Amino acid sequence: MFKAFLFALMLLLTMANNVAFARNIGAEQRAASSARDDYNQAKSDAANNLQSISAQEKRVADEQAHLKQLQDTQTVVDTRLEKAKADLAFKEKALETAWEERNK
């Protein structure tokens, strides 16, 4: 009878261990699933951020090319302005001379 009691006790402890182990597996499965979800979200966020970086880099490159065009155009415009200024000064001087000659 003592052997039967001991056997039943061992069987009961083994079953209790299995139930506790099964609960641990469930908790571990939930934890692993949560970690997988977090990983997938982080991976998605990283991919989205890289895409945003790439798009921003392209916009910056386009704007830098536009800036270079504007700077090159400004050089041409400045040269034209200086030429027009010199031409205006020459023609104003010629007009002034013509008035002086007329008024003599």
PDB file of N, CA and C in Angstrom:
ATOM      1  N   MET A   1       0.819  -1.174   0.000  1.00  0.00           N
ATOM      2  CA  MET A   1       0.000   0.000   0.000  1.00  0.00           C
ATOM      3  C   MET A   1       0.877   1.256   0.000  1.00  0.00           C
ATOM      4  N   PHE A   2       1.929   1.256   0.776  1.00  0.00           N
ATOM      5  CA  PHE A   2       2.842   2.382   0.820  1.00  0.00           C
ATOM      6  C   PHE A   2       3.466   2.609  -0.552  1.00  0.00           C
ATOM      7  N   LYS A   3       3.788   1.499  -1.252  1.00  0.00           N
ATOM      8  CA  LYS A   3       4.366   1.608  -2.585  1.00  0.00           C
ATOM      9  C   LYS A   3       3.350   2.215  -3.545  1.00  0.00           C
ATOM     10  N   ALA A   4       2.102   1.835  -3.417  1.00  0.00           N
ATOM     11  CA  ALA A   4       1.053   2.379  -4.281  1.00  0.00           C
ATOM     12  C   ALA A   4       0.875   3.863  -3.996  1.00  0.00           C
ATOM     13  N   PHE A   5       0.925   4.232  -2.713  1.00  0.00           N
ATOM     14  CA  PHE A   5       0.800   5.633  -2.335  1.00  0.00           C
ATOM     15  C   PHE A   5       1.977   6.441  -2.885  1.00  0.00           C
ATOM     16  N   LEU A   6       3.161   5.883  -2.745  1.00  0.00           N
ATOM     17  CA  LEU A   6       4.364   6.544  -3.257  1.00  0.00           C
ATOM     18  C   LEU A   6       4.301   6.674  -4.770  1.00  0.00           C
ATOM     19  N   PHE A   7       3.831   5.652  -5.443  1.00  0.00           N
ATOM     20  CA  PHE A   7       3.694   5.677  -6.901  1.00  0.00           C
ATOM     21  C   PHE A   7       2.669   6.737  -7.315  1.00  0.00           C
ATOM     22  N   ALA A   8       1.554   6.785  -6.606  1.00  0.00           N
ATOM     23  CA  ALA A   8       0.503   7.768  -6.913  1.00  0.00           C
ATOM     24  C   ALA A   8       1.018   9.185  -6.670  1.00  0.00           C
ATOM     25  N   LEU A   9       1.790   9.352  -5.587  1.00  0.00           N
ATOM     26  CA  LEU A   9       2.357  10.653  -5.286  1.00  0.00           C
ATOM     27  C   LEU A   9       3.337  11.084  -6.367  1.00  0.00           C
ATOM     28  N   MET A  10       4.169  10.199  -6.813  1.00  0.00           N
ATOM     29  CA  MET A  10       5.142  10.489  -7.873  1.00  0.00           C
ATOM     30  C   MET A  10       4.424  10.839  -9.176  1.00  0.00           C
ATOM     31  N   LEU A  11       3.373  10.074  -9.463  1.00  0.00           N
ATOM     32  CA  LEU A  11       2.588  10.308 -10.663  1.00  0.00           C
ATOM     33  C   LEU A  11       1.922  11.686 -10.593  1.00  0.00           C
ATOM     34  N   LEU A  12       1.386  12.006  -9.440  1.00  0.00           N
ATOM     35  CA  LEU A  12       0.744  13.303  -9.234  1.00  0.00           C
ATOM     36  C   LEU A  12       1.752  14.442  -9.371  1.00  0.00           C
ATOM     37  N   LEU A  13       2.939  14.303  -8.808  1.00  0.00           N
ATOM     38  CA  LEU A  13       3.975  15.330  -8.918  1.00  0.00           C
ATOM     39  C   LEU A  13       4.444  15.491 -10.368  1.00  0.00           C
ATOM     40  N   THR A  14       4.556  14.393 -11.064  1.00  0.00           N
ATOM     41  CA  THR A  14       4.961  14.438 -12.471  1.00  0.00           C
ATOM     42  C   THR A  14       3.926  15.172 -13.294  1.00  0.00           C
ATOM     43  N   MET A  15       2.665  14.887 -13.048  1.00  0.00           N
ATOM     44  CA  MET A  15       1.574  15.546 -13.780  1.00  0.00           C
ATOM     45  C   MET A  15       1.535  17.041 -13.439  1.00  0.00           C
ATOM     46  N   ALA A  16       1.738  17.360 -12.168  1.00  0.00           N
ATOM     47  CA  ALA A  16       1.746  18.761 -11.757  1.00  0.00           C
ATOM     48  C   ALA A  16       2.885  19.507 -12.434  1.00  0.00           C
ATOM     49  N   ASN A  17       4.029  18.854 -12.551  1.00  0.00           N
ATOM     50  CA  ASN A  17       5.183  19.434 -13.239  1.00  0.00           C
ATOM     51  C   ASN A  17       4.852  19.684 -14.700  1.00  0.00           C
ATOM     52  N   ASN A  18       4.180  18.718 -15.329  1.00  0.00           N
ATOM     53  CA  ASN A  18       3.811  18.850 -16.740  1.00  0.00           C
ATOM     54  C   ASN A  18       2.835  20.002 -16.948  1.00  0.00           C
ATOM     55  N   VAL A  19       1.890  20.174 -16.010  1.00  0.00           N
ATOM     56  CA  VAL A  19       0.938  21.275 -16.112  1.00  0.00           C
ATOM     57  C   VAL A  19       1.676  22.606 -15.961  1.00  0.00           C
ATOM     58  N   ALA A  20       2.579  22.685 -15.002  1.00  0.00           N
ATOM     59  CA  ALA A  20       3.357  23.906 -14.811  1.00  0.00           C
ATOM     60  C   ALA A  20       4.230  24.169 -16.032  1.00  0.00           C
ATOM     61  N   PHE A  21       4.801  23.115 -16.587  1.00  0.00           N
ATOM     62  CA  PHE A  21       5.636  23.243 -17.776  1.00  0.00           C
ATOM     63  C   PHE A  21       4.785  23.692 -18.956  1.00  0.00           C
ATOM     64  N   ALA A  22       3.585  23.156 -19.084  1.00  0.00           N
ATOM     65  CA  ALA A  22       2.682  23.555 -20.151  1.00  0.00           C
ATOM     66  C   ALA A  22       2.317  25.026 -20.013  1.00  0.00           C
ATOM     67  N   ARG A  23       2.095  25.490 -18.785  1.00  0.00           N
ATOM     68  CA  ARG A  23       1.816  26.916 -18.574  1.00  0.00           C
ATOM     69  C   ARG A  23       3.021  27.760 -18.987  1.00  0.00           C
ATOM     70  N   ASN A  24       4.223  27.280 -18.651  1.00  0.00           N
ATOM     71  CA  ASN A  24       5.434  28.007 -19.038  1.00  0.00           C
ATOM     72  C   ASN A  24       5.568  28.059 -20.552  1.00  0.00           C
ATOM     73  N   ILE A  25       5.235  26.976 -21.235  1.00  0.00           N
ATOM     74  CA  ILE A  25       5.322  26.963 -22.692  1.00  0.00           C
ATOM     75  C   ILE A  25       4.350  27.981 -23.271  1.00  0.00           C
ATOM     76  N   GLY A  26       3.143  28.031 -22.718  1.00  0.00           N
ATOM     77  CA  GLY A  26       2.168  29.011 -23.193  1.00  0.00           C
ATOM     78  C   GLY A  26       2.668  30.430 -23.006  1.00  0.00           C
ATOM     79  N   ALA A  27       3.231  30.688 -21.839  1.00  0.00           N
ATOM     80  CA  ALA A  27       3.769  32.024 -21.571  1.00  0.00           C
ATOM     81  C   ALA A  27       4.937  32.332 -22.503  1.00  0.00           C
ATOM     82  N   GLU A  28       5.780  31.336 -22.730  1.00  0.00           N
ATOM     83  CA  GLU A  28       6.922  31.532 -23.634  1.00  0.00           C
ATOM     84  C   GLU A  28       6.446  31.755 -25.064  1.00  0.00           C
ATOM     85  N   GLN A  29       5.383  31.032 -25.456  1.00  0.00           N
ATOM     86  CA  GLN A  29       4.842  31.233 -26.799  1.00  0.00           C
ATOM     87  C   GLN A  29       4.297  32.648 -26.956  1.00  0.00           C
ATOM     88  N   ARG A  30       3.584  33.132 -25.941  1.00  0.00           N
ATOM     89  CA  ARG A  30       3.072  34.497 -25.990  1.00  0.00           C
ATOM     90  C   ARG A  30       4.224  35.512 -26.041  1.00  0.00           C
ATOM     91  N   ALA A  31       5.241  35.273 -25.225  1.00  0.00           N
ATOM     92  CA  ALA A  31       6.392  36.175 -25.196  1.00  0.00           C
ATOM     93  C   ALA A  31       7.120  36.168 -26.548  1.00  0.00           C
ATOM     94  N   ALA A  32       7.281  34.975 -27.116  1.00  0.00           N
ATOM     95  CA  ALA A  32       7.944  34.870 -28.421  1.00  0.00           C
ATOM     96  C   ALA A  32       7.107  35.540 -29.505  1.00  0.00           C
ATOM     97  N   SER A  33       5.798  35.368 -29.445  1.00  0.00           N
ATOM     98  CA  SER A  33       4.905  35.996 -30.425  1.00  0.00           C
ATOM     99  C   SER A  33       4.969  37.518 -30.298  1.00  0.00           C
ATOM    100  N   SER A  34       4.968  38.011 -29.079  1.00  0.00           N
ATOM    101  CA  SER A  34       5.073  39.449 -28.846  1.00  0.00           C
ATOM    102  C   SER A  34       6.411  39.981 -29.353  1.00  0.00           C
ATOM    103  N   ALA A  35       7.480  39.246 -29.089  1.00  0.00           N
ATOM    104  CA  ALA A  35       8.808  39.657 -29.555  1.00  0.00           C
ATOM    105  C   ALA A  35       8.861  39.647 -31.080  1.00  0.00           C
ATOM    106  N   ARG A  36       8.217  38.666 -31.710  1.00  0.00           N
ATOM    107  CA  ARG A  36       8.167  38.580 -33.172  1.00  0.00           C
ATOM    108  C   ARG A  36       7.410  39.788 -33.735  1.00  0.00           C
ATOM    109  N   ASP A  37       6.296  40.131 -33.090  1.00  0.00           N
ATOM    110  CA  ASP A  37       5.529  41.299 -33.530  1.00  0.00           C
ATOM    111  C   ASP A  37       6.358  42.585 -33.395  1.00  0.00           C
ATOM    112  N   ASP A  38       7.054  42.724 -32.268  1.00  0.00           N
ATOM    113  CA  ASP A  38       7.918  43.895 -32.054  1.00  0.00           C
ATOM    114  C   ASP A  38       9.019  43.960 -33.114  1.00  0.00           C
ATOM    115  N   TYR A  39       9.616  42.794 -33.413  1.00  0.00           N
ATOM    116  CA  TYR A  39      10.676  42.721 -34.428  1.00  0.00           C
ATOM    117  C   TYR A  39      10.129  43.135 -35.795  1.00  0.00           C
ATOM    118  N   ASN A  40       8.978  42.583 -36.159  1.00  0.00           N
ATOM    119  CA  ASN A  40       8.394  42.905 -37.458  1.00  0.00           C
ATOM    120  C   ASN A  40       8.061  44.393 -37.561  1.00  0.00           C
ATOM    121  N   GLN A  41       7.550  44.965 -36.483  1.00  0.00           N
ATOM    122  CA  GLN A  41       7.242  46.403 -36.490  1.00  0.00           C
ATOM    123  C   GLN A  41       8.515  47.230 -36.607  1.00  0.00           C
ATOM    124  N   ALA A  42       9.541  46.849 -35.848  1.00  0.00           N
ATOM    125  CA  ALA A  42      10.819  47.573 -35.904  1.00  0.00           C
ATOM    126  C   ALA A  42      11.441  47.455 -37.298  1.00  0.00           C
ATOM    127  N   LYS A  43      11.341  46.273 -37.902  1.00  0.00           N
ATOM    128  CA  LYS A  43      11.877  46.061 -39.249  1.00  0.00           C
ATOM    129  C   LYS A  43      11.126  46.935 -40.254  1.00  0.00           C
ATOM    130  N   SER A  44       9.819  46.991 -40.121  1.00  0.00           N
ATOM    131  CA  SER A  44       8.996  47.833 -40.997  1.00  0.00           C
ATOM    132  C   SER A  44       9.339  49.308 -40.805  1.00  0.00           C
ATOM    133  N   ASP A  45       9.486  49.738 -39.548  1.00  0.00           N
ATOM    134  CA  ASP A  45       9.846  51.128 -39.260  1.00  0.00           C
ATOM    135  C   ASP A  45      11.213  51.466 -39.858  1.00  0.00           C
ATOM    136  N   ALA A  46      12.160  50.550 -39.745  1.00  0.00           N
ATOM    137  CA  ALA A  46      13.505  50.780 -40.288  1.00  0.00           C
ATOM    138  C   ALA A  46      13.450  50.908 -41.815  1.00  0.00           C
ATOM    139  N   ALA A  47      12.683  50.032 -42.472  1.00  0.00           N
ATOM    140  CA  ALA A  47      12.552  50.097 -43.933  1.00  0.00           C
ATOM    141  C   ALA A  47      11.889  51.401 -44.355  1.00  0.00           C
ATOM    142  N   ASN A  48      10.847  51.800 -43.642  1.00  0.00           N
ATOM    143  CA  ASN A  48      10.164  53.057 -43.962  1.00  0.00           C
ATOM    144  C   ASN A  48      11.095  54.248 -43.770  1.00  0.00           C
ATOM    145  N   ASN A  49      11.876  54.216 -42.694  1.00  0.00           N
ATOM    146  CA  ASN A  49      12.812  55.310 -42.441  1.00  0.00           C
ATOM    147  C   ASN A  49      13.887  55.378 -43.522  1.00  0.00           C
ATOM    148  N   LEU A  50      14.401  54.228 -43.941  1.00  0.00           N
ATOM    149  CA  LEU A  50      15.399  54.214 -45.018  1.00  0.00           C
ATOM    150  C   LEU A  50      14.811  54.771 -46.310  1.00  0.00           C
ATOM    151  N   GLN A  51      13.567  54.434 -46.574  1.00  0.00           N
ATOM    152  CA  GLN A  51      12.901  54.952 -47.770  1.00  0.00           C
ATOM    153  C   GLN A  51      12.751  56.473 -47.668  1.00  0.00           C
ATOM    154  N   SER A  52      12.400  56.970 -46.496  1.00  0.00           N
ATOM    155  CA  SER A  52      12.284  58.416 -46.299  1.00  0.00           C
ATOM    156  C   SER A  52      13.637  59.104 -46.462  1.00  0.00           C
ATOM    157  N   ILE A  53      14.670  58.481 -45.944  1.00  0.00           N
ATOM    158  CA  ILE A  53      16.028  59.038 -46.086  1.00  0.00           C
ATOM    159  C   ILE A  53      16.411  59.117 -47.555  1.00  0.00           C
ATOM    160  N   SER A  54      16.154  58.049 -48.284  1.00  0.00           N
ATOM    161  CA  SER A  54      16.485  58.012 -49.710  1.00  0.00           C
ATOM    162  C   SER A  54      15.736  59.095 -50.478  1.00  0.00           C
ATOM    163  N   ALA A  55      14.450  59.243 -50.185  1.00  0.00           N
ATOM    164  CA  ALA A  55      13.657  60.267 -50.857  1.00  0.00           C
ATOM    165  C   ALA A  55      14.174  61.663 -50.514  1.00  0.00           C
ATOM    166  N   GLN A  56      14.531  61.879 -49.252  1.00  0.00           N
ATOM    167  CA  GLN A  56      15.047  63.188 -48.839  1.00  0.00           C
ATOM    168  C   GLN A  56      16.388  63.471 -49.498  1.00  0.00           C
ATOM    169  N   GLU A  57      17.253  62.464 -49.592  1.00  0.00           N
ATOM    170  CA  GLU A  57      18.546  62.645 -50.247  1.00  0.00           C
ATOM    171  C   GLU A  57      18.354  63.036 -51.713  1.00  0.00           C
ATOM    172  N   LYS A  58      17.380  62.421 -52.372  1.00  0.00           N
ATOM    173  CA  LYS A  58      17.098  62.769 -53.771  1.00  0.00           C
ATOM    174  C   LYS A  58      16.603  64.207 -53.873  1.00  0.00           C
ATOM    175  N   ARG A  59      15.708  64.596 -52.960  1.00  0.00           N
ATOM    176  CA  ARG A  59      15.223  65.985 -52.983  1.00  0.00           C
ATOM    177  C   ARG A  59      16.371  66.970 -52.752  1.00  0.00           C
ATOM    178  N   VAL A  60      17.260  66.639 -51.827  1.00  0.00           N
ATOM    179  CA  VAL A  60      18.408  67.509 -51.549  1.00  0.00           C
ATOM    180  C   VAL A  60      19.298  67.609 -52.786  1.00  0.00           C
ATOM    181  N   ALA A  61      19.561  66.481 -53.443  1.00  0.00           N
ATOM    182  CA  ALA A  61      20.391  66.488 -54.651  1.00  0.00           C
ATOM    183  C   ALA A  61      19.739  67.319 -55.751  1.00  0.00           C
ATOM    184  N   ASP A  62      18.426  67.166 -55.914  1.00  0.00           N
ATOM    185  CA  ASP A  62      17.706  67.959 -56.919  1.00  0.00           C
ATOM    186  C   ASP A  62      17.783  69.448 -56.592  1.00  0.00           C
ATOM    187  N   GLU A  63      17.608  69.787 -55.331  1.00  0.00           N
ATOM    188  CA  GLU A  63      17.669  71.192 -54.924  1.00  0.00           C
ATOM    189  C   GLU A  63      19.087  71.750 -55.078  1.00  0.00           C
ATOM    190  N   GLN A  64      20.097  70.918 -54.819  1.00  0.00           N
ATOM    191  CA  GLN A  64      21.474  71.378 -55.004  1.00  0.00           C
ATOM    192  C   GLN A  64      21.755  71.641 -56.485  1.00  0.00           C
ATOM    193  N   ALA A  65      21.223  70.773 -57.364  1.00  0.00           N
ATOM    194  CA  ALA A  65      21.392  70.982 -58.802  1.00  0.00           C
ATOM    195  C   ALA A  65      20.676  72.269 -59.225  1.00  0.00           C
ATOM    196  N   HIS A  66      19.493  72.502 -58.664  1.00  0.00           N
ATOM    197  CA  HIS A  66      18.759  73.732 -58.975  1.00  0.00           C
ATOM    198  C   HIS A  66      19.518  74.957 -58.482  1.00  0.00           C
ATOM    199  N   LEU A  67      20.074  74.868 -57.282  1.00  0.00           N
ATOM    200  CA  LEU A  67      20.878  75.962 -56.733  1.00  0.00           C
ATOM    201  C   LEU A  67      22.069  76.254 -57.639  1.00  0.00           C
ATOM    202  N   LYS A  68      22.741  75.222 -58.118  1.00  0.00           N
ATOM    203  CA  LYS A  68      23.895  75.398 -59.014  1.00  0.00           C
ATOM    204  C   LYS A  68      23.465  76.115 -60.286  1.00  0.00           C
ATOM    205  N   GLN A  69      22.302  75.740 -60.823  1.00  0.00           N
ATOM    206  CA  GLN A  69      21.791  76.416 -62.015  1.00  0.00           C
ATOM    207  C   GLN A  69      21.546  77.900 -61.735  1.00  0.00           C
ATOM    208  N   LEU A  70      20.927  78.175 -60.610  1.00  0.00           N
ATOM    209  CA  LEU A  70      20.658  79.570 -60.254  1.00  0.00           C
ATOM    210  C   LEU A  70      21.949  80.358 -60.080  1.00  0.00           C
ATOM    211  N   GLN A  71      22.947  79.740 -59.457  1.00  0.00           N
ATOM    212  CA  GLN A  71      24.233  80.422 -59.269  1.00  0.00           C
ATOM    213  C   GLN A  71      24.911  80.696 -60.611  1.00  0.00           C
ATOM    214  N   ASP A  72      24.853  79.699 -61.514  1.00  0.00           N
ATOM    215  CA  ASP A  72      25.431  79.894 -62.846  1.00  0.00           C
ATOM    216  C   ASP A  72      24.696  81.002 -63.591  1.00  0.00           C
ATOM    217  N   THR A  73      23.386  81.024 -63.482  1.00  0.00           N
ATOM    218  CA  THR A  73      22.578  82.068 -64.118  1.00  0.00           C
ATOM    219  C   THR A  73      22.918  83.426 -63.517  1.00  0.00           C
ATOM    220  N   GLN A  74      23.129  83.470 -62.213  1.00  0.00           N
ATOM    221  CA  GLN A  74      23.463  84.740 -61.555  1.00  0.00           C
ATOM    222  C   GLN A  74      24.769  85.304 -62.088  1.00  0.00           C
ATOM    223  N   THR A  75      25.717  84.445 -62.366  1.00  0.00           N
ATOM    224  CA  THR A  75      26.988  84.896 -62.922  1.00  0.00           C
ATOM    225  C   THR A  75      26.757  85.575 -64.273  1.00  0.00           C
ATOM    226  N   VAL A  76      25.932  84.966 -65.116  1.00  0.00           N
ATOM    227  CA  VAL A  76      25.611  85.540 -66.427  1.00  0.00           C
ATOM    228  C   VAL A  76      24.870  86.866 -66.253  1.00  0.00           C
ATOM    229  N   VAL A  77      23.888  86.869 -65.343  1.00  0.00           N
ATOM    230  CA  VAL A  77      23.097  88.078 -65.092  1.00  0.00           C
ATOM    231  C   VAL A  77      23.983  89.200 -64.555  1.00  0.00           C
ATOM    232  N   ASP A  78      24.891  88.884 -63.659  1.00  0.00           N
ATOM    233  CA  ASP A  78      25.794  89.906 -63.110  1.00  0.00           C
ATOM    234  C   ASP A  78      26.672  90.500 -64.212  1.00  0.00           C
ATOM    235  N   THR A  79      27.169  89.652 -65.115  1.00  0.00           N
ATOM    236  CA  THR A  79      28.002  90.127 -66.226  1.00  0.00           C
ATOM    237  C   THR A  79      27.190  91.059 -67.125  1.00  0.00           C
ATOM    238  N   ARG A  80      25.951  90.646 -67.429  1.00  0.00           N
ATOM    239  CA  ARG A  80      25.067  91.484 -68.256  1.00  0.00           C
ATOM    240  C   ARG A  80      24.770  92.814 -67.557  1.00  0.00           C
ATOM    241  N   LEU A  81      24.543  92.763 -66.242  1.00  0.00           N
ATOM    242  CA  LEU A  81      24.268  93.979 -65.480  1.00  0.00           C
ATOM    243  C   LEU A  81      25.444  94.948 -65.552  1.00  0.00           C
ATOM    244  N   GLU A  82      26.645  94.438 -65.349  1.00  0.00           N
ATOM    245  CA  GLU A  82      27.833  95.299 -65.408  1.00  0.00           C
ATOM    246  C   GLU A  82      28.000  95.901 -66.797  1.00  0.00           C
ATOM    247  N   LYS A  83      27.757  95.111 -67.826  1.00  0.00           N
ATOM    248  CA  LYS A  83      27.868  95.616 -69.207  1.00  0.00           C
ATOM    249  C   LYS A  83      26.809  96.694 -69.450  1.00  0.00           C
ATOM    250  N   ALA A  84      25.564  96.449 -69.002  1.00  0.00           N
ATOM    251  CA  ALA A  84      24.489  97.425 -69.186  1.00  0.00           C
ATOM    252  C   ALA A  84      24.779  98.700 -68.404  1.00  0.00           C
ATOM    253  N   LYS A  85      25.355  98.555 -67.222  1.00  0.00           N
ATOM    254  CA  LYS A  85      25.701  99.719 -66.399  1.00  0.00           C
ATOM    255  C   LYS A  85      26.762 100.572 -67.093  1.00  0.00           C
ATOM    256  N   ALA A  86      27.767  99.900 -67.636  1.00  0.00           N
ATOM    257  CA  ALA A  86      28.831 100.631 -68.346  1.00  0.00           C
ATOM    258  C   ALA A  86      28.270 101.300 -69.598  1.00  0.00           C
ATOM    259  N   ASP A  87      27.399 100.603 -70.327  1.00  0.00           N
ATOM    260  CA  ASP A  87      26.787 101.160 -71.531  1.00  0.00           C
ATOM    261  C   ASP A  87      25.931 102.375 -71.176  1.00  0.00           C
ATOM    262  N   LEU A  88      25.152 102.279 -70.076  1.00  0.00           N
ATOM    263  CA  LEU A  88      24.327 103.398 -69.625  1.00  0.00           C
ATOM    264  C   LEU A  88      25.206 104.598 -69.271  1.00  0.00           C
ATOM    265  N   ALA A  89      26.276 104.372 -68.558  1.00  0.00           N
ATOM    266  CA  ALA A  89      27.173 105.467 -68.171  1.00  0.00           C
ATOM    267  C   ALA A  89      27.758 106.138 -69.413  1.00  0.00           C
ATOM    268  N   PHE A  90      28.147 105.323 -70.399  1.00  0.00           N
ATOM    269  CA  PHE A  90      28.721 105.867 -71.641  1.00  0.00           C
ATOM    270  C   PHE A  90      27.679 106.717 -72.370  1.00  0.00           C
ATOM    271  N   LYS A  91      26.450 106.208 -72.476  1.00  0.00           N
ATOM    272  CA  LYS A  91      25.411 106.915 -73.225  1.00  0.00           C
ATOM    273  C   LYS A  91      24.918 108.154 -72.471  1.00  0.00           C
ATOM    274  N   GLU A  92      24.895 108.090 -71.141  1.00  0.00           N
ATOM    275  CA  GLU A  92      24.538 109.286 -70.363  1.00  0.00           C
ATOM    276  C   GLU A  92      25.596 110.371 -70.555  1.00  0.00           C
ATOM    277  N   LYS A  93      26.852 109.946 -70.595  1.00  0.00           N
ATOM    278  CA  LYS A  93      27.952 110.902 -70.812  1.00  0.00           C
ATOM    279  C   LYS A  93      27.842 111.512 -72.208  1.00  0.00           C
ATOM    280  N   ALA A  94      27.503 110.669 -73.193  1.00  0.00           N
ATOM    281  CA  ALA A  94      27.339 111.172 -74.564  1.00  0.00           C
ATOM    282  C   ALA A  94      26.182 112.163 -74.629  1.00  0.00           C
ATOM    283  N   LEU A  95      25.079 111.864 -73.931  1.00  0.00           N
ATOM    284  CA  LEU A  95      23.936 112.781 -73.907  1.00  0.00           C
ATOM    285  C   LEU A  95      24.309 114.086 -73.232  1.00  0.00           C
ATOM    286  N   GLU A  96      25.011 114.011 -72.155  1.00  0.00           N
ATOM    287  CA  GLU A  96      25.443 115.203 -71.438  1.00  0.00           C
ATOM    288  C   GLU A  96      26.336 116.056 -72.331  1.00  0.00           C
ATOM    289  N   THR A  97      27.228 115.402 -73.035  1.00  0.00           N
ATOM    290  CA  THR A  97      28.128 116.116 -73.955  1.00  0.00           C
ATOM    291  C   THR A  97      27.311 116.779 -75.060  1.00  0.00           C
ATOM    292  N   ALA A  98      26.313 116.062 -75.575  1.00  0.00           N
ATOM    293  CA  ALA A  98      25.472 116.626 -76.642  1.00  0.00           C
ATOM    294  C   ALA A  98      24.731 117.861 -76.144  1.00  0.00           C
ATOM    295  N   TRP A  99      24.207 117.846 -74.923  1.00  0.00           N
ATOM    296  CA  TRP A  99      23.520 119.010 -74.354  1.00  0.00           C
ATOM    297  C   TRP A  99      24.499 120.168 -74.166  1.00  0.00           C
ATOM    298  N   GLU A 100      25.671 119.842 -73.707  1.00  0.00           N
ATOM    299  CA  GLU A 100      26.671 120.901 -73.502  1.00  0.00           C
ATOM    300  C   GLU A 100      27.036 121.545 -74.829  1.00  0.00           C
ATOM    301  N   GLU A 101      27.180 120.762 -75.884  1.00  0.00           N
ATOM    302  CA  GLU A 101      27.546 121.270 -77.214  1.00  0.00           C
ATOM    303  C   GLU A 101      26.408 122.145 -77.756  1.00  0.00           C
ATOM    304  N   ARG A 102      25.189 121.725 -77.503  1.00  0.00           N
ATOM    305  CA  ARG A 102      24.021 122.460 -77.993  1.00  0.00           C
ATOM    306  C   ARG A 102      23.871 123.802 -77.272  1.00  0.00           C
ATOM    307  N   ASN A 103      24.193 123.789 -76.002  1.00  0.00           N
ATOM    308  CA  ASN A 103      24.010 124.977 -75.190  1.00  0.00           C
ATOM    309  C   ASN A 103      25.151 125.978 -75.341  1.00  0.00           C
ATOM    310  N   LYS A 104      26.157 125.704 -76.093  1.00  0.00           N
ATOM    311  CA  LYS A 104      27.295 126.615 -76.252  1.00  0.00           C
ATOM    312  C   LYS A 104      26.989 127.718 -77.204  1.00  0.00           C
TER     313      LYS A 104
END
